[in-house]
Amino acid sequence: MKPLMRRASPCAEPLLQLTWNGAPLQAHAGDTVLTALLNAADHLRLTLGEGAPRAGFCLMGACQDCWVQTADGRRLRACTTLATDGMALVSAMPGELPCR
């Protein structure tokens, strides 16, 4: 999978280690969960039914498009939640492939 986003310039913030569906994921301090995910993959989730890729919609916490879950089952909005070191995230849809 080709990442949807890329950084315009190097980031000096400390590197954080997360997981997404069990696969390693990196973020920088200050990144949202959605920023980390889209820097690693070309989509956040697939739509039900047709399976079209989705990458978030409003990117400001007003819609319901970027919900993900922590490994312990808590739901959070990826676009407004800051990534934290050690965060274990899973897609809200079973069977989705991990980021590559």
Protein backbone atom coordinates (compact mmCIF):
# COMPACT_ATOMS: atom_id res chain seq x y z
CA MET A 1 0.00 0.00 0.00
CA LYS A 2 1.27 3.43 -0.89
CA PRO A 3 0.79 6.01 1.90
CA LEU A 4 -1.85 8.65 1.26
CA MET A 5 0.09 11.39 3.05
CA ARG A 6 3.72 12.35 3.31
CA ARG A 7 5.52 14.94 5.38
CA ALA A 8 6.53 18.08 3.53
CA SER A 9 9.60 18.47 5.74
CA PRO A 10 11.38 16.34 8.34
CA CYS A 11 9.79 16.29 11.79
CA ALA A 12 12.00 17.02 14.80
CA GLU A 13 9.47 15.69 17.33
CA PRO A 14 10.24 12.40 19.13
CA LEU A 15 9.21 9.18 17.40
CA LEU A 16 6.39 7.13 18.95
CA GLN A 17 5.80 3.40 18.48
CA LEU A 18 2.18 2.25 18.01
CA THR A 19 0.49 -0.78 16.47
CA TRP A 20 -2.40 -0.97 13.98
CA ASN A 21 -4.11 -4.36 13.74
CA GLY A 22 -0.95 -5.84 15.27
CA ALA A 23 1.43 -4.29 12.73
CA PRO A 24 4.05 -1.71 13.82
CA LEU A 25 3.14 1.93 13.19
CA GLN A 26 5.21 5.03 13.84
CA ALA A 27 4.09 8.54 14.65
CA HIS A 28 5.74 11.71 15.87
CA ALA A 29 4.76 13.44 19.10
CA GLY A 30 1.94 15.83 18.24
CA ASP A 31 0.55 13.67 15.40
CA THR A 32 -3.06 12.59 15.50
CA VAL A 33 -3.85 8.90 15.12
CA LEU A 34 -5.23 9.64 11.64
CA THR A 35 -2.01 11.40 10.60
CA ALA A 36 0.02 8.36 11.69
CA LEU A 37 -2.29 5.94 9.87
CA LEU A 38 -2.41 7.90 6.63
CA ASN A 39 1.38 8.34 6.64
CA ALA A 40 1.56 4.53 6.62
CA ALA A 41 -1.36 3.48 4.38
CA ASP A 42 -3.54 4.64 1.53
CA HIS A 43 -6.80 4.43 3.50
CA LEU A 44 -8.21 4.16 7.00
CA ARG A 45 -11.03 1.72 6.35
CA LEU A 46 -13.25 0.22 3.66
CA THR A 47 -16.92 1.07 3.28
CA LEU A 48 -19.49 -1.58 4.05
CA GLY A 49 -21.03 -3.16 0.98
CA GLU A 50 -18.88 -1.96 -1.91
CA GLY A 51 -15.55 -1.98 -0.04
CA ALA A 52 -14.42 1.44 -1.26
CA PRO A 53 -11.41 2.95 0.58
CA ARG A 54 -12.08 5.77 3.05
CA ALA A 55 -9.52 8.11 4.61
CA GLY A 56 -11.64 10.23 6.91
CA PHE A 57 -14.09 12.91 5.82
CA CYS A 58 -14.19 16.15 7.80
CA LEU A 59 -10.82 15.74 9.61
CA MET A 60 -12.06 17.90 12.52
CA GLY A 61 -14.19 15.54 14.64
CA ALA A 62 -17.61 16.49 13.31
CA CYS A 63 -18.44 13.36 11.31
CA GLN A 64 -18.32 9.63 12.12
CA ASP A 65 -15.88 8.54 9.40
CA CYS A 66 -12.62 7.99 11.29
CA TRP A 67 -13.64 5.94 14.33
CA VAL A 68 -11.08 3.31 15.35
CA GLN A 69 -10.71 1.22 18.47
CA THR A 70 -7.98 0.63 20.98
CA ALA A 71 -6.99 -3.00 21.55
CA ASP A 72 -8.98 -2.90 24.81
CA GLY A 73 -12.16 -1.91 22.94
CA ARG A 74 -12.36 1.86 23.55
CA ARG A 75 -13.56 3.81 20.51
CA LEU A 76 -11.88 7.05 19.48
CA ARG A 77 -11.89 9.52 16.64
CA ALA A 78 -8.59 9.14 14.80
CA CYS A 79 -8.65 12.72 13.49
CA THR A 80 -8.81 14.40 16.91
CA THR A 81 -6.95 11.94 19.15
CA LEU A 82 -3.23 12.48 19.66
CA ALA A 83 -1.05 9.41 19.15
CA THR A 84 0.69 8.17 22.28
CA ASP A 85 3.68 5.88 22.63
CA GLY A 86 2.63 2.23 23.00
CA MET A 87 -0.91 2.83 21.72
CA ALA A 88 -2.43 -0.40 20.31
CA LEU A 89 -5.12 0.32 17.73
CA VAL A 90 -7.42 -1.92 15.72
CA SER A 91 -9.76 -1.19 12.83
CA ALA A 92 -13.43 -1.03 13.64
CA MET A 93 -14.08 -3.54 10.85
CA PRO A 94 -12.95 -7.14 11.45
CA GLY A 95 -10.73 -8.68 8.80
CA GLU A 96 -9.16 -5.49 7.46
CA LEU A 97 -5.54 -5.74 6.46
CA PRO A 98 -2.87 -4.07 8.58
CA CYS A 99 -0.92 -1.07 7.30
CA ARG A 100 2.16 -1.95 5.26
